[in-house]
Amino acid sequence: MQSGKQKRAAIMARRDARKTRAAALALEAVPRVPVNRARLAPCNSYGEPQFVHDGYYQDRRFICRDCGARQVWTAEQQQWWYETAKGYVYSTAVRCLTCRRERRLAHSGQMRIGI
């Protein structure tokens, strides 16, 4: 028979073990791509975004602004956007690929008509 203090200690030990396992799995499951600060677009800001501070890109989940679909902005896509396309470092993905294409087509159609 265990006392209340012993039961609490056992429960806390199990919780701590579970947290460490979950943290280890989370670190392994998240792909990381290193940040090349020299390739980022210049930004006249007093601070730096979290991914620059951490030194790596990691997958980010977001919900599409137009259709509400759950999406993932992968680390590779972020690296391309920030380093190759020279996107603003404080911008993030807000639309899924399908909605971006539809929006692009609608916008190009308006430009041709002259609206």
PDB file of N, CA and C in Angstrom:
ATOM      1  N   MET A   1       0.840  -1.178   0.000  1.00  0.00           N
ATOM      2  CA  MET A   1       0.000   0.000   0.000  1.00  0.00           C
ATOM      3  C   MET A   1       0.886   1.243   0.000  1.00  0.00           C
ATOM      4  N   GLN A   2       0.572   2.204  -0.883  1.00  0.00           N
ATOM      5  CA  GLN A   2       1.366   3.422  -0.984  1.00  0.00           C
ATOM      6  C   GLN A   2       0.647   4.580  -0.310  1.00  0.00           C
ATOM      7  N   SER A   3       1.432   5.484   0.215  1.00  0.00           N
ATOM      8  CA  SER A   3       0.847   6.689   0.803  1.00  0.00           C
ATOM      9  C   SER A   3       0.495   7.663  -0.322  1.00  0.00           C
ATOM     10  N   GLY A   4      -0.219   8.694   0.014  1.00  0.00           N
ATOM     11  CA  GLY A   4      -0.602   9.710  -0.969  1.00  0.00           C
ATOM     12  C   GLY A   4       0.625  10.380  -1.576  1.00  0.00           C
ATOM     13  N   LYS A   5       1.628  10.618  -0.736  1.00  0.00           N
ATOM     14  CA  LYS A   5       2.850  11.256  -1.202  1.00  0.00           C
ATOM     15  C   LYS A   5       3.580  10.367  -2.217  1.00  0.00           C
ATOM     16  N   GLN A   6       3.608   9.070  -1.963  1.00  0.00           N
ATOM     17  CA  GLN A   6       4.264   8.133  -2.881  1.00  0.00           C
ATOM     18  C   GLN A   6       3.501   8.029  -4.203  1.00  0.00           C
ATOM     19  N   LYS A   7       2.161   8.024  -4.133  1.00  0.00           N
ATOM     20  CA  LYS A   7       1.346   7.970  -5.341  1.00  0.00           C
ATOM     21  C   LYS A   7       1.581   9.214  -6.203  1.00  0.00           C
ATOM     22  N   ARG A   8       1.609  10.398  -5.549  1.00  0.00           N
ATOM     23  CA  ARG A   8       1.845  11.633  -6.285  1.00  0.00           C
ATOM     24  C   ARG A   8       3.212  11.630  -6.951  1.00  0.00           C
ATOM     25  N   ALA A   9       4.217  11.124  -6.235  1.00  0.00           N
ATOM     26  CA  ALA A   9       5.568  11.057  -6.796  1.00  0.00           C
ATOM     27  C   ALA A   9       5.605  10.133  -8.022  1.00  0.00           C
ATOM     28  N   ALA A  10       4.904   9.003  -7.941  1.00  0.00           N
ATOM     29  CA  ALA A  10       4.859   8.073  -9.070  1.00  0.00           C
ATOM     30  C   ALA A  10       4.135   8.693 -10.256  1.00  0.00           C
ATOM     31  N   ILE A  11       3.042   9.389  -9.986  1.00  0.00           N
ATOM     32  CA  ILE A  11       2.283  10.049 -11.053  1.00  0.00           C
ATOM     33  C   ILE A  11       3.133  11.118 -11.728  1.00  0.00           C
ATOM     34  N   MET A  12       3.827  11.919 -10.926  1.00  0.00           N
ATOM     35  CA  MET A  12       4.676  12.983 -11.475  1.00  0.00           C
ATOM     36  C   MET A  12       5.822  12.397 -12.302  1.00  0.00           C
ATOM     37  N   ALA A  13       6.389  11.279 -11.853  1.00  0.00           N
ATOM     38  CA  ALA A  13       7.472  10.638 -12.600  1.00  0.00           C
ATOM     39  C   ALA A  13       6.968  10.143 -13.955  1.00  0.00           C
ATOM     40  N   ARG A  14       5.751   9.550 -13.979  1.00  0.00           N
ATOM     41  CA  ARG A  14       5.174   9.095 -15.241  1.00  0.00           C
ATOM     42  C   ARG A  14       4.895  10.271 -16.178  1.00  0.00           C
ATOM     43  N   ARG A  15       4.405  11.373 -15.626  1.00  0.00           N
ATOM     44  CA  ARG A  15       4.135  12.564 -16.444  1.00  0.00           C
ATOM     45  C   ARG A  15       5.419  13.110 -17.051  1.00  0.00           C
ATOM     46  N   ASP A  16       6.465  13.185 -16.233  1.00  0.00           N
ATOM     47  CA  ASP A  16       7.745  13.695 -16.731  1.00  0.00           C
ATOM     48  C   ASP A  16       8.304  12.798 -17.835  1.00  0.00           C
ATOM     49  N   ALA A  17       8.204  11.481 -17.639  1.00  0.00           N
ATOM     50  CA  ALA A  17       8.688  10.551 -18.653  1.00  0.00           C
ATOM     51  C   ALA A  17       7.894  10.712 -19.950  1.00  0.00           C
ATOM     52  N   ARG A  18       6.586  10.891 -19.841  1.00  0.00           N
ATOM     53  CA  ARG A  18       5.735  11.077 -21.006  1.00  0.00           C
ATOM     54  C   ARG A  18       6.091  12.370 -21.737  1.00  0.00           C
ATOM     55  N   LYS A  19       6.341  13.444 -20.980  1.00  0.00           N
ATOM     56  CA  LYS A  19       6.713  14.723 -21.594  1.00  0.00           C
ATOM     57  C   LYS A  19       8.038  14.618 -22.334  1.00  0.00           C
ATOM     58  N   THR A  20       9.015  13.941 -21.737  1.00  0.00           N
ATOM     59  CA  THR A  20      10.315  13.805 -22.403  1.00  0.00           C
ATOM     60  C   THR A  20      10.193  12.971 -23.674  1.00  0.00           C
ATOM     61  N   ARG A  21       9.394  11.915 -23.631  1.00  0.00           N
ATOM     62  CA  ARG A  21       9.188  11.102 -24.832  1.00  0.00           C
ATOM     63  C   ARG A  21       8.506  11.915 -25.923  1.00  0.00           C
ATOM     64  N   ALA A  22       7.483  12.691 -25.538  1.00  0.00           N
ATOM     65  CA  ALA A  22       6.756  13.504 -26.514  1.00  0.00           C
ATOM     66  C   ALA A  22       7.661  14.578 -27.113  1.00  0.00           C
ATOM     67  N   ALA A  23       8.479  15.182 -26.281  1.00  0.00           N
ATOM     68  CA  ALA A  23       9.400  16.211 -26.784  1.00  0.00           C
ATOM     69  C   ALA A  23      10.429  15.605 -27.730  1.00  0.00           C
ATOM     70  N   ALA A  24      10.936  14.434 -27.409  1.00  0.00           N
ATOM     71  CA  ALA A  24      11.920  13.772 -28.273  1.00  0.00           C
ATOM     72  C   ALA A  24      11.288  13.402 -29.618  1.00  0.00           C
ATOM     73  N   LEU A  25      10.053  12.904 -29.590  1.00  0.00           N
ATOM     74  CA  LEU A  25       9.363  12.561 -30.830  1.00  0.00           C
ATOM     75  C   LEU A  25       9.077  13.804 -31.656  1.00  0.00           C
ATOM     76  N   ALA A  26       8.696  14.881 -30.995  1.00  0.00           N
ATOM     77  CA  ALA A  26       8.395  16.119 -31.706  1.00  0.00           C
ATOM     78  C   ALA A  26       9.639  16.654 -32.397  1.00  0.00           C
ATOM     79  N   LEU A  27      10.778  16.565 -31.751  1.00  0.00           N
ATOM     80  CA  LEU A  27      12.011  17.047 -32.356  1.00  0.00           C
ATOM     81  C   LEU A  27      12.430  16.191 -33.544  1.00  0.00           C
ATOM     82  N   GLU A  28      12.214  14.889 -33.451  1.00  0.00           N
ATOM     83  CA  GLU A  28      12.583  13.994 -34.546  1.00  0.00           C
ATOM     84  C   GLU A  28      11.636  14.136 -35.730  1.00  0.00           C
ATOM     85  N   ALA A  29      10.349  14.349 -35.459  1.00  0.00           N
ATOM     86  CA  ALA A  29       9.345  14.363 -36.513  1.00  0.00           C
ATOM     87  C   ALA A  29       9.374  15.650 -37.333  1.00  0.00           C
ATOM     88  N   VAL A  30       9.868  16.749 -36.762  1.00  0.00           N
ATOM     89  CA  VAL A  30       9.832  18.028 -37.449  1.00  0.00           C
ATOM     90  C   VAL A  30      11.095  18.196 -38.298  1.00  0.00           C
ATOM     91  N   PRO A  31      10.935  18.220 -39.617  1.00  0.00           N
ATOM     92  CA  PRO A  31      12.120  18.444 -40.454  1.00  0.00           C
ATOM     93  C   PRO A  31      12.598  19.881 -40.304  1.00  0.00           C
ATOM     94  N   ARG A  32      13.907  20.051 -40.241  1.00  0.00           N
ATOM     95  CA  ARG A  32      14.487  21.374 -40.077  1.00  0.00           C
ATOM     96  C   ARG A  32      15.436  21.654 -41.227  1.00  0.00           C
ATOM     97  N   VAL A  33      15.384  22.870 -41.703  1.00  0.00           N
ATOM     98  CA  VAL A  33      16.275  23.317 -42.765  1.00  0.00           C
ATOM     99  C   VAL A  33      17.012  24.538 -42.235  1.00  0.00           C
ATOM    100  N   PRO A  34      18.332  24.574 -42.316  1.00  0.00           N
ATOM    101  CA  PRO A  34      19.081  25.701 -41.760  1.00  0.00           C
ATOM    102  C   PRO A  34      18.835  27.003 -42.534  1.00  0.00           C
ATOM    103  N   VAL A  35      18.885  28.119 -41.816  1.00  0.00           N
ATOM    104  CA  VAL A  35      18.688  29.442 -42.395  1.00  0.00           C
ATOM    105  C   VAL A  35      20.036  29.994 -42.850  1.00  0.00           C
ATOM    106  N   ASN A  36      20.075  30.531 -44.052  1.00  0.00           N
ATOM    107  CA  ASN A  36      21.257  31.233 -44.549  1.00  0.00           C
ATOM    108  C   ASN A  36      20.948  32.727 -44.452  1.00  0.00           C
ATOM    109  N   ARG A  37      21.421  33.373 -43.402  1.00  0.00           N
ATOM    110  CA  ARG A  37      21.096  34.784 -43.146  1.00  0.00           C
ATOM    111  C   ARG A  37      21.549  35.701 -44.274  1.00  0.00           C
ATOM    112  N   ALA A  38      22.632  35.356 -44.947  1.00  0.00           N
ATOM    113  CA  ALA A  38      23.156  36.202 -46.014  1.00  0.00           C
ATOM    114  C   ALA A  38      22.208  36.272 -47.211  1.00  0.00           C
ATOM    115  N   ARG A  39      21.383  35.250 -47.399  1.00  0.00           N
ATOM    116  CA  ARG A  39      20.486  35.206 -48.560  1.00  0.00           C
ATOM    117  C   ARG A  39      19.125  35.819 -48.283  1.00  0.00           C
ATOM    118  N   LEU A  40      18.832  36.225 -47.046  1.00  0.00           N
ATOM    119  CA  LEU A  40      17.544  36.824 -46.719  1.00  0.00           C
ATOM    120  C   LEU A  40      17.474  38.251 -47.256  1.00  0.00           C
ATOM    121  N   ALA A  41      16.263  38.691 -47.585  1.00  0.00           N
ATOM    122  CA  ALA A  41      16.064  40.063 -48.049  1.00  0.00           C
ATOM    123  C   ALA A  41      16.343  41.019 -46.895  1.00  0.00           C
ATOM    124  N   PRO A  42      16.906  42.194 -47.182  1.00  0.00           N
ATOM    125  CA  PRO A  42      17.172  43.147 -46.106  1.00  0.00           C
ATOM    126  C   PRO A  42      15.870  43.586 -45.455  1.00  0.00           C
ATOM    127  N   CYS A  43      15.910  43.728 -44.159  1.00  0.00           N
ATOM    128  CA  CYS A  43      14.712  44.087 -43.400  1.00  0.00           C
ATOM    129  C   CYS A  43      15.102  45.166 -42.395  1.00  0.00           C
ATOM    130  N   ASN A  44      14.489  46.320 -42.488  1.00  0.00           N
ATOM    131  CA  ASN A  44      14.792  47.414 -41.564  1.00  0.00           C
ATOM    132  C   ASN A  44      13.900  47.302 -40.342  1.00  0.00           C
ATOM    133  N   SER A  45      14.218  46.358 -39.508  1.00  0.00           N
ATOM    134  CA  SER A  45      13.438  46.108 -38.310  1.00  0.00           C
ATOM    135  C   SER A  45      14.378  46.050 -37.116  1.00  0.00           C
ATOM    136  N   TYR A  46      13.831  46.317 -35.946  1.00  0.00           N
ATOM    137  CA  TYR A  46      14.651  46.281 -34.739  1.00  0.00           C
ATOM    138  C   TYR A  46      14.928  44.865 -34.260  1.00  0.00           C
ATOM    139  N   GLY A  47      14.112  43.937 -34.670  1.00  0.00           N
ATOM    140  CA  GLY A  47      14.290  42.553 -34.236  1.00  0.00           C
ATOM    141  C   GLY A  47      14.413  41.633 -35.427  1.00  0.00           C
ATOM    142  N   GLU A  48      14.448  40.365 -35.134  1.00  0.00           N
ATOM    143  CA  GLU A  48      14.490  39.368 -36.197  1.00  0.00           C
ATOM    144  C   GLU A  48      13.401  38.341 -35.936  1.00  0.00           C
ATOM    145  N   PRO A  49      12.873  37.730 -36.993  1.00  0.00           N
ATOM    146  CA  PRO A  49      11.828  36.722 -36.805  1.00  0.00           C
ATOM    147  C   PRO A  49      12.358  35.524 -36.019  1.00  0.00           C
ATOM    148  N   GLN A  50      11.465  34.754 -35.478  1.00  0.00           N
ATOM    149  CA  GLN A  50      11.841  33.625 -34.631  1.00  0.00           C
ATOM    150  C   GLN A  50      12.671  32.597 -35.391  1.00  0.00           C
ATOM    151  N   PHE A  51      12.333  32.339 -36.657  1.00  0.00           N
ATOM    152  CA  PHE A  51      13.088  31.320 -37.397  1.00  0.00           C
ATOM    153  C   PHE A  51      14.537  31.751 -37.622  1.00  0.00           C
ATOM    154  N   VAL A  52      14.786  33.044 -37.759  1.00  0.00           N
ATOM    155  CA  VAL A  52      16.163  33.527 -37.914  1.00  0.00           C
ATOM    156  C   VAL A  52      16.900  33.384 -36.592  1.00  0.00           C
ATOM    157  N   HIS A  53      16.222  33.713 -35.519  1.00  0.00           N
ATOM    158  CA  HIS A  53      16.817  33.584 -34.187  1.00  0.00           C
ATOM    159  C   HIS A  53      17.159  32.128 -33.879  1.00  0.00           C
ATOM    160  N   ASP A  54      16.251  31.214 -34.234  1.00  0.00           N
ATOM    161  CA  ASP A  54      16.485  29.780 -33.992  1.00  0.00           C
ATOM    162  C   ASP A  54      17.559  29.222 -34.918  1.00  0.00           C
ATOM    163  N   GLY A  55      17.641  29.763 -36.135  1.00  0.00           N
ATOM    164  CA  GLY A  55      18.644  29.301 -37.078  1.00  0.00           C
ATOM    165  C   GLY A  55      18.168  28.205 -38.014  1.00  0.00           C
ATOM    166  N   TYR A  56      16.877  27.911 -38.026  1.00  0.00           N
ATOM    167  CA  TYR A  56      16.347  26.874 -38.916  1.00  0.00           C
ATOM    168  C   TYR A  56      14.878  27.141 -39.226  1.00  0.00           C
ATOM    169  N   TYR A  57      14.442  26.617 -40.376  1.00  0.00           N
ATOM    170  CA  TYR A  57      13.027  26.626 -40.749  1.00  0.00           C
ATOM    171  C   TYR A  57      12.443  25.301 -40.288  1.00  0.00           C
ATOM    172  N   GLN A  58      11.185  25.319 -39.893  1.00  0.00           N
ATOM    173  CA  GLN A  58      10.477  24.075 -39.592  1.00  0.00           C
ATOM    174  C   GLN A  58       9.053  24.197 -40.112  1.00  0.00           C
ATOM    175  N   ASP A  59       8.422  23.060 -40.369  1.00  0.00           N
ATOM    176  CA  ASP A  59       7.070  23.065 -40.920  1.00  0.00           C
ATOM    177  C   ASP A  59       6.127  23.857 -40.023  1.00  0.00           C
ATOM    178  N   ARG A  60       5.265  24.645 -40.665  1.00  0.00           N
ATOM    179  CA  ARG A  60       4.261  25.424 -39.934  1.00  0.00           C
ATOM    180  C   ARG A  60       2.882  25.036 -40.429  1.00  0.00           C
ATOM    181  N   ARG A  61       1.990  24.851 -39.504  1.00  0.00           N
ATOM    182  CA  ARG A  61       0.600  24.554 -39.868  1.00  0.00           C
ATOM    183  C   ARG A  61      -0.167  25.869 -39.939  1.00  0.00           C
ATOM    184  N   PHE A  62      -1.118  25.935 -40.897  1.00  0.00           N
ATOM    185  CA  PHE A  62      -1.973  27.104 -41.007  1.00  0.00           C
ATOM    186  C   PHE A  62      -3.303  26.687 -41.599  1.00  0.00           C
ATOM    187  N   ILE A  63      -4.293  27.542 -41.471  1.00  0.00           N
ATOM    188  CA  ILE A  63      -5.614  27.308 -42.031  1.00  0.00           C
ATOM    189  C   ILE A  63      -5.808  28.302 -43.165  1.00  0.00           C
ATOM    190  N   CYS A  64      -6.196  27.797 -44.326  1.00  0.00           N
ATOM    191  CA  CYS A  64      -6.365  28.635 -45.504  1.00  0.00           C
ATOM    192  C   CYS A  64      -7.410  29.716 -45.234  1.00  0.00           C
ATOM    193  N   ARG A  65      -7.073  30.933 -45.599  1.00  0.00           N
ATOM    194  CA  ARG A  65      -7.936  32.079 -45.350  1.00  0.00           C
ATOM    195  C   ARG A  65      -9.223  32.000 -46.169  1.00  0.00           C
ATOM    196  N   ASP A  66      -9.158  31.405 -47.361  1.00  0.00           N
ATOM    197  CA  ASP A  66     -10.323  31.382 -48.242  1.00  0.00           C
ATOM    198  C   ASP A  66     -11.211  30.161 -48.039  1.00  0.00           C
ATOM    199  N   CYS A  67     -10.621  28.951 -48.067  1.00  0.00           N
ATOM    200  CA  CYS A  67     -11.451  27.739 -48.018  1.00  0.00           C
ATOM    201  C   CYS A  67     -11.470  27.076 -46.639  1.00  0.00           C
ATOM    202  N   GLY A  68     -10.577  27.453 -45.744  1.00  0.00           N
ATOM    203  CA  GLY A  68     -10.559  26.890 -44.396  1.00  0.00           C
ATOM    204  C   GLY A  68      -9.875  25.542 -44.278  1.00  0.00           C
ATOM    205  N   ALA A  69      -9.170  25.114 -45.313  1.00  0.00           N
ATOM    206  CA  ALA A  69      -8.472  23.826 -45.273  1.00  0.00           C
ATOM    207  C   ALA A  69      -7.223  23.930 -44.403  1.00  0.00           C
ATOM    208  N   ARG A  70      -6.932  22.871 -43.693  1.00  0.00           N
ATOM    209  CA  ARG A  70      -5.712  22.828 -42.875  1.00  0.00           C
ATOM    210  C   ARG A  70      -4.548  22.460 -43.789  1.00  0.00           C
ATOM    211  N   GLN A  71      -3.491  23.249 -43.726  1.00  0.00           N
ATOM    212  CA  GLN A  71      -2.348  23.073 -44.607  1.00  0.00           C
ATOM    213  C   GLN A  71      -1.055  23.125 -43.818  1.00  0.00           C
ATOM    214  N   VAL A  72       0.021  22.712 -44.448  1.00  0.00           N
ATOM    215  CA  VAL A  72       1.355  22.785 -43.849  1.00  0.00           C
ATOM    216  C   VAL A  72       2.262  23.543 -44.804  1.00  0.00           C
ATOM    217  N   TRP A  73       2.912  24.570 -44.286  1.00  0.00           N
ATOM    218  CA  TRP A  73       3.916  25.308 -45.050  1.00  0.00           C
ATOM    219  C   TRP A  73       5.255  24.676 -44.701  1.00  0.00           C
ATOM    220  N   THR A  74       5.799  23.894 -45.613  1.00  0.00           N
ATOM    221  CA  THR A  74       6.979  23.091 -45.307  1.00  0.00           C
ATOM    222  C   THR A  74       8.221  23.957 -45.152  1.00  0.00           C
ATOM    223  N   ALA A  75       9.224  23.398 -44.506  1.00  0.00           N
ATOM    224  CA  ALA A  75      10.482  24.106 -44.280  1.00  0.00           C
ATOM    225  C   ALA A  75      11.153  24.439 -45.611  1.00  0.00           C
ATOM    226  N   GLU A  76      11.068  23.542 -46.582  1.00  0.00           N
ATOM    227  CA  GLU A  76      11.667  23.788 -47.890  1.00  0.00           C
ATOM    228  C   GLU A  76      10.966  24.936 -48.610  1.00  0.00           C
ATOM    229  N   GLN A  77       9.641  24.980 -48.502  1.00  0.00           N
ATOM    230  CA  GLN A  77       8.891  26.072 -49.118  1.00  0.00           C
ATOM    231  C   GLN A  77       9.252  27.399 -48.461  1.00  0.00           C
ATOM    232  N   GLN A  78       9.408  27.412 -47.157  1.00  0.00           N
ATOM    233  CA  GLN A  78       9.798  28.637 -46.455  1.00  0.00           C
ATOM    234  C   GLN A  78      11.185  29.088 -46.897  1.00  0.00           C
ATOM    235  N   GLN A  79      12.107  28.137 -47.013  1.00  0.00           N
ATOM    236  CA  GLN A  79      13.464  28.482 -47.442  1.00  0.00           C
ATOM    237  C   GLN A  79      13.427  29.104 -48.839  1.00  0.00           C
ATOM    238  N   TRP A  80      12.651  28.532 -49.748  1.00  0.00           N
ATOM    239  CA  TRP A  80      12.540  29.096 -51.083  1.00  0.00           C
ATOM    240  C   TRP A  80      11.967  30.503 -51.012  1.00  0.00           C
ATOM    241  N   TRP A  81      10.894  30.697 -50.247  1.00  0.00           N
ATOM    242  CA  TRP A  81      10.225  31.995 -50.184  1.00  0.00           C
ATOM    243  C   TRP A  81      11.142  33.075 -49.618  1.00  0.00           C
ATOM    244  N   TYR A  82      11.792  32.789 -48.529  1.00  0.00           N
ATOM    245  CA  TYR A  82      12.606  33.806 -47.876  1.00  0.00           C
ATOM    246  C   TYR A  82      13.965  34.019 -48.539  1.00  0.00           C
ATOM    247  N   GLU A  83      14.609  32.966 -49.021  1.00  0.00           N
ATOM    248  CA  GLU A  83      15.974  33.084 -49.516  1.00  0.00           C
ATOM    249  C   GLU A  83      16.065  33.224 -51.035  1.00  0.00           C
ATOM    250  N   THR A  84      15.252  32.512 -51.781  1.00  0.00           N
ATOM    251  CA  THR A  84      15.325  32.574 -53.231  1.00  0.00           C
ATOM    252  C   THR A  84      14.427  33.672 -53.785  1.00  0.00           C
ATOM    253  N   ALA A  85      13.166  33.700 -53.365  1.00  0.00           N
ATOM    254  CA  ALA A  85      12.228  34.701 -53.853  1.00  0.00           C
ATOM    255  C   ALA A  85      12.377  36.031 -53.116  1.00  0.00           C
ATOM    256  N   LYS A  86      13.173  36.053 -52.061  1.00  0.00           N
ATOM    257  CA  LYS A  86      13.438  37.264 -51.267  1.00  0.00           C
ATOM    258  C   LYS A  86      12.151  37.846 -50.683  1.00  0.00           C
ATOM    259  N   GLY A  87      11.281  36.955 -50.163  1.00  0.00           N
ATOM    260  CA  GLY A  87      10.042  37.395 -49.536  1.00  0.00           C
ATOM    261  C   GLY A  87      10.301  38.102 -48.220  1.00  0.00           C
ATOM    262  N   TYR A  88       9.357  38.941 -47.811  1.00  0.00           N
ATOM    263  CA  TYR A  88       9.456  39.679 -46.555  1.00  0.00           C
ATOM    264  C   TYR A  88       9.528  38.684 -45.402  1.00  0.00           C
ATOM    265  N   VAL A  89      10.488  38.867 -44.503  1.00  0.00           N
ATOM    266  CA  VAL A  89      10.753  37.865 -43.472  1.00  0.00           C
ATOM    267  C   VAL A  89       9.648  37.750 -42.433  1.00  0.00           C
ATOM    268  N   TYR A  90       8.766  38.726 -42.343  1.00  0.00           N
ATOM    269  CA  TYR A  90       7.663  38.633 -41.389  1.00  0.00           C
ATOM    270  C   TYR A  90       6.375  38.142 -42.042  1.00  0.00           C
ATOM    271  N   SER A  91       6.419  37.736 -43.326  1.00  0.00           N
ATOM    272  CA  SER A  91       5.228  37.216 -43.992  1.00  0.00           C
ATOM    273  C   SER A  91       5.147  35.704 -43.794  1.00  0.00           C
ATOM    274  N   THR A  92       3.921  35.187 -43.806  1.00  0.00           N
ATOM    275  CA  THR A  92       3.695  33.744 -43.690  1.00  0.00           C
ATOM    276  C   THR A  92       2.634  33.327 -44.701  1.00  0.00           C
ATOM    277  N   ALA A  93       2.522  32.040 -44.938  1.00  0.00           N
ATOM    278  CA  ALA A  93       1.513  31.516 -45.864  1.00  0.00           C
ATOM    279  C   ALA A  93       0.136  31.622 -45.222  1.00  0.00           C
ATOM    280  N   VAL A  94      -0.854  32.073 -45.998  1.00  0.00           N
ATOM    281  CA  VAL A  94      -2.219  32.166 -45.493  1.00  0.00           C
ATOM    282  C   VAL A  94      -3.222  31.472 -46.401  1.00  0.00           C
ATOM    283  N   ARG A  95      -2.806  31.091 -47.620  1.00  0.00           N
ATOM    284  CA  ARG A  95      -3.715  30.426 -48.547  1.00  0.00           C
ATOM    285  C   ARG A  95      -3.105  29.126 -49.057  1.00  0.00           C
ATOM    286  N   CYS A  96      -3.963  28.141 -49.315  1.00  0.00           N
ATOM    287  CA  CYS A  96      -3.484  26.874 -49.883  1.00  0.00           C
ATOM    288  C   CYS A  96      -3.155  27.069 -51.362  1.00  0.00           C
ATOM    289  N   LEU A  97      -2.516  26.103 -51.957  1.00  0.00           N
ATOM    290  CA  LEU A  97      -2.076  26.191 -53.350  1.00  0.00           C
ATOM    291  C   LEU A  97      -3.255  26.404 -54.300  1.00  0.00           C
ATOM    292  N   THR A  98      -4.348  25.690 -54.083  1.00  0.00           N
ATOM    293  CA  THR A  98      -5.519  25.809 -54.950  1.00  0.00           C
ATOM    294  C   THR A  98      -6.095  27.213 -54.905  1.00  0.00           C
ATOM    295  N   CYS A  99      -6.245  27.757 -53.704  1.00  0.00           N
ATOM    296  CA  CYS A  99      -6.809  29.107 -53.572  1.00  0.00           C
ATOM    297  C   CYS A  99      -5.858  30.163 -54.119  1.00  0.00           C
ATOM    298  N   ARG A 100      -4.552  29.943 -53.977  1.00  0.00           N
ATOM    299  CA  ARG A 100      -3.583  30.888 -54.549  1.00  0.00           C
ATOM    300  C   ARG A 100      -3.688  30.900 -56.067  1.00  0.00           C
ATOM    301  N   ARG A 101      -3.821  29.724 -56.665  1.00  0.00           N
ATOM    302  CA  ARG A 101      -3.949  29.648 -58.128  1.00  0.00           C
ATOM    303  C   ARG A 101      -5.229  30.315 -58.606  1.00  0.00           C
ATOM    304  N   GLU A 102      -6.342  30.046 -57.921  1.00  0.00           N
ATOM    305  CA  GLU A 102      -7.616  30.664 -58.301  1.00  0.00           C
ATOM    306  C   GLU A 102      -7.537  32.181 -58.183  1.00  0.00           C
ATOM    307  N   ARG A 103      -6.932  32.648 -57.120  1.00  0.00           N
ATOM    308  CA  ARG A 103      -6.793  34.089 -56.900  1.00  0.00           C
ATOM    309  C   ARG A 103      -5.908  34.715 -57.984  1.00  0.00           C
ATOM    310  N   ARG A 104      -4.833  34.028 -58.338  1.00  0.00           N
ATOM    311  CA  ARG A 104      -3.921  34.511 -59.373  1.00  0.00           C
ATOM    312  C   ARG A 104      -4.651  34.582 -60.726  1.00  0.00           C
ATOM    313  N   LEU A 105      -5.432  33.534 -61.044  1.00  0.00           N
ATOM    314  CA  LEU A 105      -6.182  33.530 -62.306  1.00  0.00           C
ATOM    315  C   LEU A 105      -7.222  34.641 -62.336  1.00  0.00           C
ATOM    316  N   ALA A 106      -7.927  34.822 -61.239  1.00  0.00           N
ATOM    317  CA  ALA A 106      -8.936  35.880 -61.175  1.00  0.00           C
ATOM    318  C   ALA A 106      -8.282  37.250 -61.327  1.00  0.00           C
ATOM    319  N   HIS A 107      -7.141  37.426 -60.696  1.00  0.00           N
ATOM    320  CA  HIS A 107      -6.456  38.715 -60.771  1.00  0.00           C
ATOM    321  C   HIS A 107      -5.931  38.973 -62.184  1.00  0.00           C
ATOM    322  N   SER A 108      -5.376  37.959 -62.829  1.00  0.00           N
ATOM    323  CA  SER A 108      -4.850  38.143 -64.187  1.00  0.00           C
ATOM    324  C   SER A 108      -5.999  38.383 -65.166  1.00  0.00           C
ATOM    325  N   GLY A 109      -7.152  37.780 -64.932  1.00  0.00           N
ATOM    326  CA  GLY A 109      -8.321  38.007 -65.780  1.00  0.00           C
ATOM    327  C   GLY A 109      -8.827  39.426 -65.670  1.00  0.00           C
ATOM    328  N   GLN A 110      -8.802  40.001 -64.489  1.00  0.00           N
ATOM    329  CA  GLN A 110      -9.233  41.382 -64.290  1.00  0.00           C
ATOM    330  C   GLN A 110      -8.268  42.347 -64.979  1.00  0.00           C
ATOM    331  N   MET A 111      -6.989  41.994 -64.949  1.00  0.00           N
ATOM    332  CA  MET A 111      -5.998  42.873 -65.548  1.00  0.00           C
ATOM    333  C   MET A 111      -6.162  42.911 -67.076  1.00  0.00           C
ATOM    334  N   ARG A 112      -6.518  41.783 -67.706  1.00  0.00           N
ATOM    335  CA  ARG A 112      -6.686  41.736 -69.148  1.00  0.00           C
ATOM    336  C   ARG A 112      -7.918  42.518 -69.588  1.00  0.00           C
ATOM    337  N   ILE A 113      -8.983  42.406 -68.795  1.00  0.00           N
ATOM    338  CA  ILE A 113     -10.234  43.075 -69.158  1.00  0.00           C
ATOM    339  C   ILE A 113     -10.087  44.582 -68.957  1.00  0.00           C
ATOM    340  N   GLY A 114      -9.278  44.959 -67.966  1.00  0.00           N
ATOM    341  CA  GLY A 114      -9.087  46.380 -67.714  1.00  0.00           C
ATOM    342  C   GLY A 114      -9.964  46.892 -66.587  1.00  0.00           C
ATOM    343  N   ILE A 115     -10.413  46.008 -65.732  1.00  0.00           N
ATOM    344  CA  ILE A 115     -11.269  46.395 -64.606  1.00  0.00           C
ATOM    345  C   ILE A 115     -10.443  47.088 -63.562  1.00  0.00           C
TER     346      ILE A 115
END
